[in-house]
Amino acid sequence: MKKNQLFLVFLLTLLIGLSTRTNAQESVPDTVRTGIYVTSIHDIDFKEKEYTINLWLWLKYKNKDFDFVENLEVPQAKTVVKSFSTIDTTGNEVYLLMKLQCVMKDSWAIDNFPFDHQLLRLSIENSQYDSGSLIFVPDTVGKQFDPRFTLRGWNIDSLKISAGTKIYETAFGDTSIKVPHTEYSNFRVRIGISRDAIGLFWKMFLGMYVAFLIAFMCFYIHADSIDSRFGLSVGSLFAVIGNKYIIDASLPEATTFTLVDMLHGITLVFILIVIMSTAFSLRMIKRGKIDQANRFDKIFALVILAIYIALNSYFIFQASSI
């Protein structure tokens, strides 16, 4: 009797173990091996916070119920255009190849503009199956971008692909889900880029520096020519303000004090100092201290120029070395 009871217990335990193993195997999500090859990145629009990326995308999987042609989702994309797709279902694996053009919305880090480093982000999901049924696995064989045509005027510092899980704190209206929490597997692309900034820097700030030098030349105009000195200084002041507005028009709004704000602010302050020193020289001239006024102009001009160059060099070096 005891032997029969032991046998029944053993048989029951074995059946439970097999059932649990079968359920565990059934709950394992199918994998989708995913890879990309970026052919170009262009139309980077800082004002609208978007860029366009062209890429080849391929997916390899065994579950033929997956329909990536219809259910492929790029969450951060403004528009997605599939210009080409082909499916190979021979054998036990589905091979899908697509060519996409995506207009992506992203945020820019402009604190060090034009010596800025940007991180372009792109992710891919399947809107039909959650992470319990489908997970992405990166295909890292070969290169992921074409260095010759990817991005003009920028350098690609890194391109990393990975797989993760995107959490949505909602049930999307499904009443069978008691807790408003769903998870979808996603395929992530992170592209780190840095700008070839030297040419752009001088193109943007040359007018500002010329305006400062015009104001600086007031020190070499005799203090008796008060109209000329004040006229050049005030004209330079408005030229710097105009230059800043032109640059700001091409950049998104920022709540932080950027390099553009810093350099223009320094220039405006130093032009204001030039105007104040002109007034001080004029006051000494009125008191008959002509030699002292000339000596003050020569010494103060060198001091202002040295400090101005030092401050600009410091902030530019700090921005470009990050």
Protein backbone atom coordinates (compact mmCIF):
# COMPACT_ATOMS: atom_id res chain seq x y z
CA MET A 1 0.00 0.00 0.00
CA LYS A 2 2.79 2.38 0.87
CA LYS A 3 4.58 1.54 -2.36
CA ASN A 4 1.46 2.41 -4.36
CA GLN A 5 1.08 5.72 -2.49
CA LEU A 6 4.73 6.58 -3.11
CA PHE A 7 4.36 5.72 -6.77
CA LEU A 8 1.28 7.93 -7.07
CA VAL A 9 3.03 10.82 -5.35
CA PHE A 10 6.03 10.43 -7.65
CA LEU A 11 3.80 10.26 -10.74
CA LEU A 12 1.85 13.34 -9.64
CA THR A 13 5.05 15.27 -8.97
CA LEU A 14 6.39 14.30 -12.39
CA LEU A 15 3.21 15.42 -14.14
CA ILE A 16 3.24 18.75 -12.31
CA GLY A 17 6.88 19.30 -13.24
CA LEU A 18 6.24 18.53 -16.89
CA SER A 19 3.22 20.80 -16.94
CA THR A 20 5.16 23.65 -15.33
CA ARG A 21 8.02 23.19 -17.78
CA THR A 22 5.63 23.17 -20.72
CA ASN A 23 3.95 26.36 -19.53
CA ALA A 24 7.34 28.01 -19.00
CA GLN A 25 8.38 27.07 -22.51
CA GLU A 26 5.12 28.42 -23.89
CA SER A 27 5.60 31.73 -22.04
CA VAL A 28 9.07 32.34 -23.44
CA PRO A 29 8.78 35.22 -25.95
CA ASP A 30 9.98 34.82 -29.52
CA THR A 31 13.19 36.63 -30.43
CA VAL A 32 13.61 38.96 -33.38
CA ARG A 33 17.21 39.49 -34.44
CA THR A 34 17.38 43.09 -35.67
CA GLY A 35 20.06 45.14 -37.40
CA ILE A 36 20.41 48.48 -39.17
CA TYR A 37 22.68 50.23 -41.65
CA VAL A 38 22.41 54.02 -41.71
CA THR A 39 23.04 55.50 -45.14
CA SER A 40 22.54 59.20 -44.39
CA ILE A 41 21.52 61.72 -41.76
CA HIS A 42 20.52 65.13 -43.06
CA ASP A 43 18.17 68.12 -42.72
CA ILE A 44 19.13 68.72 -39.09
CA ASP A 45 16.77 71.50 -38.04
CA PHE A 46 17.71 73.02 -34.70
CA LYS A 47 14.75 75.38 -34.63
CA GLU A 48 12.17 72.63 -35.17
CA LYS A 49 14.16 70.04 -33.18
CA GLU A 50 14.16 67.38 -35.86
CA TYR A 51 16.39 65.53 -38.31
CA THR A 52 15.97 63.04 -41.17
CA ILE A 53 17.61 59.62 -41.23
CA ASN A 54 17.74 57.05 -44.03
CA LEU A 55 18.49 53.47 -43.06
CA TRP A 56 18.19 49.82 -43.98
CA LEU A 57 16.44 47.68 -41.37
CA TRP A 58 16.39 43.90 -41.29
CA LEU A 59 14.59 41.50 -38.98
CA LYS A 60 14.96 37.74 -38.62
CA TYR A 61 12.40 35.67 -36.70
CA LYS A 62 10.59 32.32 -36.72
CA ASN A 63 7.07 33.33 -35.73
CA LYS A 64 5.29 34.01 -39.02
CA ASP A 65 2.44 35.76 -37.23
CA PHE A 66 4.67 38.80 -36.72
CA ASP A 67 3.74 41.45 -39.28
CA PHE A 68 6.42 44.12 -39.13
CA VAL A 69 5.45 45.61 -42.48
CA GLU A 70 2.13 46.79 -41.04
CA ASN A 71 2.90 46.94 -37.31
CA LEU A 72 6.38 48.45 -37.24
CA GLU A 73 6.38 51.51 -34.99
CA VAL A 74 9.00 54.24 -34.55
CA PRO A 75 7.74 56.10 -31.44
CA GLN A 76 9.75 59.33 -31.79
CA ALA A 77 9.24 59.70 -35.53
CA LYS A 78 7.29 62.55 -37.07
CA THR A 79 6.93 60.61 -40.33
CA VAL A 80 8.06 57.16 -41.48
CA VAL A 81 8.27 56.27 -45.17
CA LYS A 82 8.94 52.68 -46.29
CA SER A 83 10.45 52.98 -49.75
CA PHE A 84 11.31 49.29 -50.10
CA SER A 85 10.57 45.97 -48.37
CA THR A 86 11.14 42.32 -49.18
CA ILE A 87 10.33 39.13 -47.28
CA ASP A 88 12.03 35.76 -47.56
CA THR A 89 10.09 32.93 -45.87
CA THR A 90 12.11 29.98 -47.15
CA GLY A 91 13.15 27.59 -44.45
CA ASN A 92 12.17 27.93 -40.81
CA GLU A 93 13.02 31.63 -40.50
CA VAL A 94 11.47 34.81 -41.86
CA TYR A 95 13.89 37.41 -43.22
CA LEU A 96 12.47 40.92 -43.69
CA LEU A 97 14.48 43.77 -45.23
CA MET A 98 13.17 47.33 -45.40
CA LYS A 99 14.48 50.73 -46.37
CA LEU A 100 13.13 53.54 -44.21
CA GLN A 101 13.23 57.31 -44.20
CA CYS A 102 12.29 58.75 -40.81
CA VAL A 103 11.86 62.37 -39.81
CA MET A 104 12.74 62.21 -36.11
CA LYS A 105 11.82 64.62 -33.33
CA ASP A 106 14.52 65.05 -30.73
CA SER A 107 15.89 67.50 -28.20
CA TRP A 108 19.18 69.34 -28.66
CA ALA A 109 21.90 70.22 -26.19
CA ILE A 110 22.88 73.74 -27.30
CA ASP A 111 24.76 74.96 -24.23
CA ASN A 112 28.08 74.73 -26.10
CA PHE A 113 26.83 75.58 -29.58
CA PRO A 114 28.56 75.58 -32.09
CA PHE A 115 30.99 73.21 -30.29
CA ASP A 116 28.06 70.98 -29.40
CA HIS A 117 27.79 67.21 -29.11
CA GLN A 118 24.41 65.71 -29.88
CA LEU A 119 22.83 62.31 -29.21
CA LEU A 120 20.41 61.18 -31.91
CA ARG A 121 17.94 58.59 -30.66
CA LEU A 122 15.81 56.15 -32.61
CA SER A 123 13.79 53.18 -31.35
CA ILE A 124 11.67 50.51 -33.01
CA GLU A 125 8.74 48.58 -31.56
CA ASN A 126 6.02 46.20 -32.70
CA SER A 127 2.60 47.61 -31.89
CA GLN A 128 0.93 44.19 -32.13
CA TYR A 129 2.90 42.16 -29.57
CA ASP A 130 4.18 43.15 -26.14
CA SER A 131 7.37 41.99 -24.45
CA GLY A 132 5.69 38.79 -23.29
CA SER A 133 5.44 37.61 -26.89
CA LEU A 134 8.31 39.36 -28.65
CA ILE A 135 11.78 40.60 -27.74
CA PHE A 136 14.42 42.22 -29.94
CA VAL A 137 18.00 40.98 -30.11
CA PRO A 138 20.60 43.29 -31.77
CA ASP A 139 22.45 42.00 -34.83
CA THR A 140 25.91 43.50 -34.35
CA VAL A 141 27.69 41.81 -37.25
CA GLY A 142 29.43 44.36 -39.51
CA LYS A 143 29.19 48.15 -39.44
CA GLN A 144 26.00 50.04 -38.71
CA PHE A 145 26.60 53.17 -40.83
CA ASP A 146 28.24 54.44 -43.99
CA PRO A 147 30.94 56.92 -42.88
CA ARG A 148 31.20 58.51 -46.34
CA PHE A 149 27.65 59.78 -46.69
CA THR A 150 26.14 59.64 -43.24
CA LEU A 151 26.43 63.23 -42.09
CA ARG A 152 28.10 66.26 -43.65
CA GLY A 153 29.59 68.87 -41.36
CA TRP A 154 29.52 66.49 -38.40
CA ASN A 155 31.62 63.64 -37.06
CA ILE A 156 30.04 60.41 -35.83
CA ASP A 157 31.66 59.64 -32.49
CA SER A 158 29.67 56.51 -31.73
CA LEU A 159 26.74 54.41 -32.91
CA LYS A 160 25.35 51.93 -30.42
CA ILE A 161 22.49 49.50 -30.86
CA SER A 162 20.78 47.70 -27.99
CA ALA A 163 17.52 46.11 -26.95
CA GLY A 164 15.38 47.14 -24.03
CA THR A 165 11.85 47.42 -22.69
CA LYS A 166 9.56 50.43 -22.99
CA ILE A 167 7.06 50.75 -20.16
CA TYR A 168 3.65 52.28 -20.74
CA GLU A 169 1.62 53.10 -17.63
CA THR A 170 -1.66 52.36 -19.39
CA ALA A 171 -3.73 49.38 -20.49
CA PHE A 172 -4.67 51.07 -23.79
CA GLY A 173 -8.36 50.55 -22.95
CA ASP A 174 -8.06 46.79 -22.40
CA THR A 175 -10.40 46.04 -19.48
CA SER A 176 -8.94 42.56 -19.01
CA ILE A 177 -5.72 44.15 -17.73
CA LYS A 178 -6.36 45.09 -14.10
CA VAL A 179 -3.19 47.12 -13.58
CA PRO A 180 -2.61 49.90 -16.17
CA HIS A 181 0.89 48.72 -17.01
CA THR A 182 2.16 47.25 -20.30
CA GLU A 183 5.66 46.59 -21.56
CA TYR A 184 6.91 46.46 -25.14
CA SER A 185 10.32 45.33 -26.27
CA ASN A 186 12.18 47.89 -28.35
CA PHE A 187 15.28 48.08 -30.50
CA ARG A 188 17.34 51.19 -29.71
CA VAL A 189 19.82 53.15 -31.77
CA ARG A 190 21.99 55.86 -30.18
CA ILE A 191 24.19 57.98 -32.46
CA GLY A 192 26.69 60.37 -30.87
CA ILE A 193 27.79 63.20 -33.18
CA SER A 194 30.03 66.25 -32.85
CA ARG A 195 30.19 69.26 -35.14
CA ASP A 196 33.06 70.49 -37.32
CA ALA A 197 32.74 73.85 -35.62
CA ILE A 198 35.73 76.04 -36.51
CA GLY A 199 34.40 77.35 -39.81
CA LEU A 200 30.87 77.79 -38.46
CA PHE A 201 32.18 79.57 -35.37
CA TRP A 202 33.98 82.27 -37.35
CA LYS A 203 31.05 82.57 -39.74
CA MET A 204 28.72 83.31 -36.82
CA PHE A 205 30.96 85.38 -34.52
CA LEU A 206 33.20 87.29 -36.93
CA GLY A 207 30.73 90.19 -37.06
CA MET A 208 30.64 90.36 -33.28
CA TYR A 209 34.43 90.51 -32.98
CA VAL A 210 34.70 93.14 -35.73
CA ALA A 211 32.11 95.24 -33.87
CA PHE A 212 34.15 94.99 -30.67
CA LEU A 213 37.37 95.98 -32.47
CA ILE A 214 35.61 99.01 -33.95
CA ALA A 215 34.58 100.05 -30.44
CA PHE A 216 38.11 99.30 -29.22
CA MET A 217 39.57 101.69 -31.81
CA CYS A 218 37.94 104.53 -29.89
CA PHE A 219 40.93 104.47 -27.56
CA TYR A 220 43.14 105.59 -30.46
CA ILE A 221 40.89 108.51 -31.40
CA HIS A 222 41.76 111.72 -29.59
CA ALA A 223 39.50 112.41 -26.64
CA ASP A 224 38.52 115.77 -28.14
CA SER A 225 36.61 113.90 -30.90
CA ILE A 226 33.88 112.92 -28.49
CA ASP A 227 31.19 112.52 -31.16
CA SER A 228 33.30 110.02 -33.13
CA ARG A 229 34.17 107.96 -30.08
CA PHE A 230 30.62 107.73 -28.79
CA GLY A 231 29.24 107.15 -32.28
CA LEU A 232 31.52 104.18 -32.98
CA SER A 233 30.86 102.63 -29.56
CA VAL A 234 27.08 102.91 -29.72
CA GLY A 235 27.06 101.63 -33.33
CA SER A 236 29.14 98.62 -32.29
CA LEU A 237 26.75 97.97 -29.41
CA PHE A 238 23.76 97.68 -31.75
CA ALA A 239 25.78 95.59 -34.21
CA VAL A 240 26.49 92.99 -31.51
CA ILE A 241 22.83 92.93 -30.45
CA GLY A 242 21.78 92.41 -34.07
CA ASN A 243 24.30 89.60 -34.51
CA LYS A 244 22.92 87.83 -31.44
CA TYR A 245 19.34 88.04 -32.67
CA ILE A 246 20.36 86.53 -36.02
CA ILE A 247 22.03 83.56 -34.31
CA ASP A 248 19.17 83.08 -31.83
CA ALA A 249 16.70 82.91 -34.72
CA SER A 250 18.30 79.65 -35.91
CA LEU A 251 18.37 78.00 -32.47
CA PRO A 252 15.62 76.58 -30.25
CA GLU A 253 14.69 78.44 -27.09
CA ALA A 254 16.90 77.60 -24.13
CA THR A 255 16.44 78.31 -20.45
CA THR A 256 20.17 77.96 -19.72
CA PHE A 257 22.95 80.48 -20.42
CA THR A 258 24.61 79.13 -23.55
CA LEU A 259 28.01 79.83 -25.08
CA VAL A 260 26.33 82.13 -27.61
CA ASP A 261 24.79 84.14 -24.75
CA MET A 262 28.08 84.20 -22.84
CA LEU A 263 30.23 85.52 -25.71
CA HIS A 264 27.70 88.14 -26.74
CA GLY A 265 27.17 89.16 -23.11
CA ILE A 266 30.90 89.59 -22.56
CA THR A 267 31.21 91.66 -25.73
CA LEU A 268 28.29 93.91 -24.77
CA VAL A 269 29.74 94.49 -21.29
CA PHE A 270 33.16 95.37 -22.66
CA ILE A 271 31.70 97.78 -25.22
CA LEU A 272 29.80 99.38 -22.35
CA ILE A 273 33.13 99.66 -20.47
CA VAL A 274 34.63 101.35 -23.55
CA ILE A 275 31.79 103.90 -23.50
CA MET A 276 32.28 104.50 -19.76
CA SER A 277 36.05 104.93 -20.22
CA THR A 278 35.36 107.42 -23.03
CA ALA A 279 33.19 109.44 -20.67
CA PHE A 280 35.95 109.30 -18.03
CA SER A 281 38.55 110.52 -20.57
CA LEU A 282 36.26 113.35 -21.59
CA ARG A 283 35.92 114.37 -17.97
CA MET A 284 39.71 114.57 -17.58
CA ILE A 285 39.96 116.60 -20.80
CA LYS A 286 37.40 119.06 -19.43
CA ARG A 287 39.64 119.48 -16.36
CA GLY A 288 42.67 120.15 -18.54
CA LYS A 289 44.36 116.79 -17.83
CA ILE A 290 45.08 115.99 -21.47
CA ASP A 291 48.27 113.99 -20.89
CA GLN A 292 46.63 111.93 -18.16
CA ALA A 293 43.65 111.25 -20.41
CA ASN A 294 45.92 110.02 -23.22
CA ARG A 295 47.91 107.84 -20.81
CA PHE A 296 44.68 106.40 -19.40
CA ASP A 297 43.43 105.52 -22.89
CA LYS A 298 46.66 103.69 -23.82
CA ILE A 299 46.91 101.68 -20.60
CA PHE A 300 43.19 100.94 -20.28
CA ALA A 301 43.02 99.84 -23.94
CA LEU A 302 45.66 97.14 -23.39
CA VAL A 303 44.02 95.99 -20.14
CA ILE A 304 40.57 95.69 -21.72
CA LEU A 305 41.91 93.87 -24.79
CA ALA A 306 43.89 91.38 -22.69
CA ILE A 307 40.96 90.59 -20.40
CA TYR A 308 38.54 90.31 -23.32
CA ILE A 309 40.79 87.87 -25.21
CA ALA A 310 41.42 85.85 -22.04
CA LEU A 311 37.70 85.49 -21.22
CA ASN A 312 36.78 84.52 -24.78
CA SER A 313 39.61 82.00 -24.97
CA TYR A 314 38.60 80.44 -21.64
CA PHE A 315 34.92 79.94 -22.49
CA ILE A 316 35.62 78.76 -26.04
CA PHE A 317 38.23 76.27 -24.84
CA GLN A 318 35.91 75.03 -22.10
CA ALA A 319 33.06 74.48 -24.60
CA SER A 320 35.21 72.80 -27.25
CA SER A 321 36.94 70.43 -24.83
CA ILE A 322 33.77 68.88 -23.39
